[in-house]
């Protein structure tokens, strides 16, 4: 079975991002970029399934400019067999991403599609669900544990107040939670070897998908500065202050 893992290039989670002075977008000029953390969990799970002998091939795919090759190299260094870049300079929104991935899935015919439950830049958390709907396949989101046997995947999902376990027929789309696994440390020799591996490139135009934006971003602003805290001398004073603030009645 082949697994297709969709990954995204985002600002490194350790970088603090600020709004541009005109509030039109986030200022990421010169910021360190990396693979989306949830997508890294998806790659790790796919590689583990291959190591168990459950799957035979792991294909990593990303959408964007040629700069996105760095995260594909990272996926190859983790153990992916092939890498595919769908080149586009359009600022993609979740529906556009899902449409391009649908075309890639129809081209590759994987038995399972894995991706992160959300991207840390827009936090939409929609792409996996949209992709499953477009493909007409089963889906399991927010997956924190996974077992694949035959034509079925058993997924443990994070839900409000706990977890649930569901079985879905393959092919299916699964979205990874951070608790799914701990991604492996990528060793330097693996990174060096990954730099020599070929990356297949497609133009988004070849896939004949309508990726025109449907949403307009109106404004981005920094969160308000946090008010300074105060010290209290007793529990009674604390409760009194909380009541004044309306936190306690």
Protein backbone atom coordinates (compact mmCIF):
# COMPACT_ATOMS: atom_id res chain seq x y z
CA UNK A 1 0.00 0.00 0.00
CA UNK A 2 1.14 3.52 -0.79
CA UNK A 3 0.76 6.41 1.66
CA UNK A 4 0.60 10.02 0.49
CA UNK A 5 1.58 12.58 3.13
CA UNK A 6 0.76 16.25 2.53
CA UNK A 7 3.06 18.72 4.27
CA UNK A 8 3.23 22.51 4.49
CA UNK A 9 6.05 25.03 4.87
CA UNK A 10 5.37 27.44 7.72
CA UNK A 11 7.23 29.88 9.94
CA UNK A 12 9.24 27.96 12.53
CA UNK A 13 7.09 27.58 15.67
CA UNK A 14 9.88 29.08 17.80
CA UNK A 15 9.78 32.36 15.85
CA UNK A 16 7.58 35.15 17.17
CA UNK A 17 5.64 36.75 14.32
CA UNK A 18 4.43 40.35 14.30
CA UNK A 19 1.93 42.17 12.10
CA UNK A 20 3.14 44.48 9.36
CA UNK A 21 2.84 48.21 10.17
CA UNK A 22 -0.11 48.54 7.78
CA UNK A 23 -1.87 45.46 9.32
CA UNK A 24 -2.30 43.81 5.91
CA UNK A 25 -0.43 40.63 6.80
CA UNK A 26 2.09 39.01 9.13
CA UNK A 27 5.70 40.08 8.75
CA UNK A 28 7.58 36.90 7.87
CA UNK A 29 10.31 38.46 5.73
CA UNK A 30 13.54 36.69 6.57
CA UNK A 31 11.86 34.46 9.16
CA UNK A 32 13.12 30.92 9.65
CA UNK A 33 10.81 28.42 7.92
CA UNK A 34 10.22 24.76 8.72
CA UNK A 35 7.81 21.88 8.24
CA UNK A 36 4.44 22.28 9.94
CA UNK A 37 4.71 20.33 13.25
CA UNK A 38 1.47 18.38 12.76
CA UNK A 39 2.62 17.37 9.27
CA UNK A 40 5.90 16.13 10.72
CA UNK A 41 3.85 13.79 12.93
CA UNK A 42 2.08 12.56 9.78
CA UNK A 43 5.41 11.84 8.07
CA UNK A 44 6.70 10.03 11.15
CA UNK A 45 3.59 7.83 11.32
CA UNK A 46 3.83 6.97 7.63
CA UNK A 47 7.50 5.98 8.00
CA UNK A 48 6.68 3.85 11.05
CA UNK A 49 3.97 2.04 9.10
CA UNK A 50 6.51 1.35 6.38
CA UNK A 51 9.03 0.06 8.90
CA UNK A 52 6.35 -2.33 10.22
CA UNK A 53 5.80 -3.63 6.70
CA UNK A 54 2.23 -2.34 6.59
CA UNK A 55 2.94 -0.06 3.63
CA UNK A 56 5.43 -0.24 0.78
CA UNK A 57 5.89 3.40 -0.26
CA UNK A 58 5.70 6.81 1.40
CA UNK A 59 5.24 9.81 -0.90
CA UNK A 60 5.54 13.35 0.49
CA UNK A 61 3.80 16.20 -1.35
CA UNK A 62 3.74 19.94 -0.78
CA UNK A 63 2.26 22.91 -2.60
CA UNK A 64 4.05 26.21 -3.11
CA UNK A 65 7.12 27.77 -4.66
CA UNK A 66 10.50 26.13 -5.18
CA UNK A 67 11.46 27.32 -1.68
CA UNK A 68 9.25 24.52 -0.33
CA UNK A 69 11.79 21.94 -1.47
CA UNK A 70 13.51 22.25 1.92
CA UNK A 71 10.63 20.59 3.78
CA UNK A 72 10.45 17.87 1.15
CA UNK A 73 14.16 17.20 1.78
CA UNK A 74 13.31 16.98 5.48
CA UNK A 75 10.60 14.40 4.74
CA UNK A 76 13.03 12.39 2.59
CA UNK A 77 15.59 12.50 5.38
CA UNK A 78 12.96 11.15 7.79
CA UNK A 79 12.36 8.18 5.50
CA UNK A 80 9.93 9.16 2.75
CA UNK A 81 10.62 7.33 -0.54
CA UNK A 82 9.57 10.04 -2.97
CA UNK A 83 8.86 13.77 -2.94
CA UNK A 84 6.47 15.75 -5.11
CA UNK A 85 6.26 19.54 -5.39
CA UNK A 86 3.18 21.15 -6.92
CA UNK A 87 4.50 24.57 -7.88
CA UNK A 88 2.30 27.63 -7.52
CA UNK A 89 2.80 31.20 -6.36
CA UNK A 90 -0.89 31.63 -5.49
CA UNK A 91 -1.64 32.22 -1.80
CA UNK A 92 -3.56 29.00 -1.27
CA UNK A 93 -6.58 28.69 1.00
CA UNK A 94 -7.83 25.36 2.43
CA UNK A 95 -10.30 24.65 -0.37
CA UNK A 96 -7.67 25.33 -3.03
CA UNK A 97 -5.21 23.06 -1.22
CA UNK A 98 -7.83 20.31 -0.99
CA UNK A 99 -8.58 20.56 -4.72
CA UNK A 100 -4.91 20.30 -5.68
CA UNK A 101 -4.40 17.38 -3.30
CA UNK A 102 -7.44 15.66 -4.78
CA UNK A 103 -5.78 15.83 -8.20
CA UNK A 104 -2.54 14.46 -6.74
CA UNK A 105 -4.41 11.61 -5.00
CA UNK A 106 -6.16 10.67 -8.26
CA UNK A 107 -2.75 10.64 -9.94
CA UNK A 108 -0.91 8.63 -7.25
CA UNK A 109 -3.78 6.36 -6.11
CA UNK A 110 -2.60 5.93 -2.49
CA UNK A 111 -4.39 3.63 -0.07
CA UNK A 112 -4.08 6.22 2.69
CA UNK A 113 -3.64 10.00 2.83
CA UNK A 114 -2.08 11.52 5.94
CA UNK A 115 -1.70 15.19 6.84
CA UNK A 116 -1.55 17.33 9.95
CA UNK A 117 -4.82 18.26 11.61
CA UNK A 118 -4.02 21.96 11.09
CA UNK A 119 -1.29 24.34 9.98
CA UNK A 120 0.17 26.60 12.65
CA UNK A 121 0.10 29.69 10.41
CA UNK A 122 -3.64 29.97 9.65
CA UNK A 123 -4.94 27.37 12.16
CA UNK A 124 -7.87 26.60 9.86
CA UNK A 125 -7.92 22.83 10.40
CA UNK A 126 -10.11 22.28 7.33
CA UNK A 127 -8.01 20.77 4.56
CA UNK A 128 -8.26 17.10 5.57
CA UNK A 129 -12.03 17.23 5.91
CA UNK A 130 -12.44 19.06 2.60
CA UNK A 131 -10.14 16.59 0.82
CA UNK A 132 -12.10 13.59 2.12
CA UNK A 133 -15.36 15.22 1.00
CA UNK A 134 -14.01 15.91 -2.49
CA UNK A 135 -12.68 12.36 -2.81
CA UNK A 136 -15.79 10.78 -1.31
CA UNK A 137 -13.67 8.66 1.05
CA UNK A 138 -13.80 7.91 4.76
CA UNK A 139 -11.99 10.21 7.14
CA UNK A 140 -10.66 10.29 10.70
CA UNK A 141 -9.50 13.59 12.16
CA UNK A 142 -7.39 14.53 15.21
CA UNK A 143 -5.82 11.06 15.27
CA UNK A 144 -3.68 10.30 18.34
CA UNK A 145 -3.17 6.55 17.71
CA UNK A 146 -3.35 4.51 14.52
CA UNK A 147 -3.33 0.86 13.48
CA UNK A 148 -3.75 -0.37 9.90
CA UNK A 149 -4.83 -3.93 9.14
CA UNK A 150 -5.94 -5.10 5.71
CA UNK A 151 -8.42 -2.65 4.22
CA UNK A 152 -9.20 -0.95 7.51
CA UNK A 153 -7.62 1.70 9.71
CA UNK A 154 -8.36 1.84 13.44
CA UNK A 155 -7.96 5.41 14.65
CA UNK A 156 -8.10 6.84 18.14
CA UNK A 157 -9.41 10.40 17.93
CA UNK A 158 -9.07 13.32 20.31
CA UNK A 159 -12.58 14.60 21.10
CA UNK A 160 -14.14 16.97 23.63
CA UNK A 161 -13.58 15.47 27.05
CA UNK A 162 -11.62 12.40 25.98
CA UNK A 163 -10.99 10.07 23.04
CA UNK A 164 -12.95 7.76 20.78
CA UNK A 165 -11.88 4.86 18.59
CA UNK A 166 -13.29 4.40 15.11
CA UNK A 167 -12.67 2.05 12.19
CA UNK A 168 -12.59 3.44 8.64
CA UNK A 169 -12.37 1.59 5.35
CA UNK A 170 -9.45 2.35 3.07
CA UNK A 171 -8.79 4.42 1.08
CA UNK A 172 -9.22 7.16 3.67
CA UNK A 173 -7.95 10.57 4.75
CA UNK A 174 -6.48 10.88 8.25
CA UNK A 175 -5.29 14.02 10.04
CA UNK A 176 -2.57 13.72 12.69
CA UNK A 177 -2.57 15.18 16.18
CA UNK A 178 0.67 15.95 18.02
CA UNK A 179 0.03 13.05 20.41
CA UNK A 180 0.15 10.55 17.54
CA UNK A 181 3.93 10.13 17.95
CA UNK A 182 7.24 11.82 18.65
CA UNK A 183 8.98 12.62 15.33
CA UNK A 184 12.48 11.21 15.05
CA UNK A 185 15.59 13.34 15.14
CA UNK A 186 16.91 13.71 11.61
CA UNK A 187 20.61 12.88 11.44
CA UNK A 188 23.01 14.93 9.35
CA UNK A 189 24.02 12.01 7.05
CA UNK A 190 20.34 11.46 6.21
CA UNK A 191 19.92 15.15 5.41
CA UNK A 192 22.98 15.05 3.14
CA UNK A 193 21.63 12.01 1.30
CA UNK A 194 18.21 13.65 0.99
CA UNK A 195 19.81 16.61 -0.80
CA UNK A 196 20.85 14.26 -3.62
CA UNK A 197 17.44 12.69 -4.11
CA UNK A 198 15.24 13.92 -6.97
CA UNK A 199 12.09 15.93 -6.32
CA UNK A 200 9.35 15.55 -8.91
CA UNK A 201 7.80 18.89 -9.86
CA UNK A 202 4.37 19.60 -11.27
CA UNK A 203 2.75 22.90 -12.14
CA UNK A 204 -0.53 23.57 -10.38
CA UNK A 205 -1.92 24.52 -13.80
CA UNK A 206 -1.37 20.92 -14.99
CA UNK A 207 -3.80 19.66 -12.36
CA UNK A 208 -6.72 21.77 -13.67
CA UNK A 209 -7.97 22.74 -10.22
CA UNK A 210 -9.81 25.95 -9.40
CA UNK A 211 -7.64 27.41 -6.64
CA UNK A 212 -8.89 31.00 -6.76
CA UNK A 213 -9.19 32.48 -3.23
CA UNK A 214 -12.71 32.55 -1.77
CA UNK A 215 -11.85 34.55 1.34
CA UNK A 216 -10.45 38.04 1.80
CA UNK A 217 -8.09 38.82 4.65
CA UNK A 218 -9.16 42.15 6.11
CA UNK A 219 -6.68 42.84 8.88
CA UNK A 220 -3.95 41.31 11.02
CA UNK A 221 -2.95 42.83 14.33
CA UNK A 222 -0.79 41.93 17.30
CA UNK A 223 -2.65 40.77 20.41
CA UNK A 224 -3.23 43.48 23.04
CA UNK A 225 -0.52 43.90 25.62
CA UNK A 226 -1.21 41.94 28.78
CA UNK A 227 -2.06 44.06 31.82
CA UNK A 228 0.47 43.82 34.66
CA UNK A 229 -0.45 41.58 37.57
CA UNK A 230 -0.83 42.59 41.19
CA UNK A 231 0.19 40.99 44.49
CA UNK A 232 -2.34 40.25 47.21
CA UNK A 233 -1.71 39.65 50.86
CA UNK A 234 -4.43 37.09 51.58
CA UNK A 235 -6.95 34.72 50.03
CA UNK A 236 -9.73 37.07 51.11
CA UNK A 237 -8.13 39.94 49.17
CA UNK A 238 -7.73 37.67 46.13
CA UNK A 239 -11.41 36.70 46.18
CA UNK A 240 -12.46 40.33 46.64
CA UNK A 241 -10.40 41.40 43.60
CA UNK A 242 -11.76 38.55 41.48
CA UNK A 243 -15.30 39.57 42.40
CA UNK A 244 -14.54 43.17 41.38
CA UNK A 245 -13.26 41.92 38.02
CA UNK A 246 -16.40 39.84 37.54
CA UNK A 247 -14.46 36.57 37.50
CA UNK A 248 -16.29 35.36 40.62
CA UNK A 249 -19.85 36.15 41.60
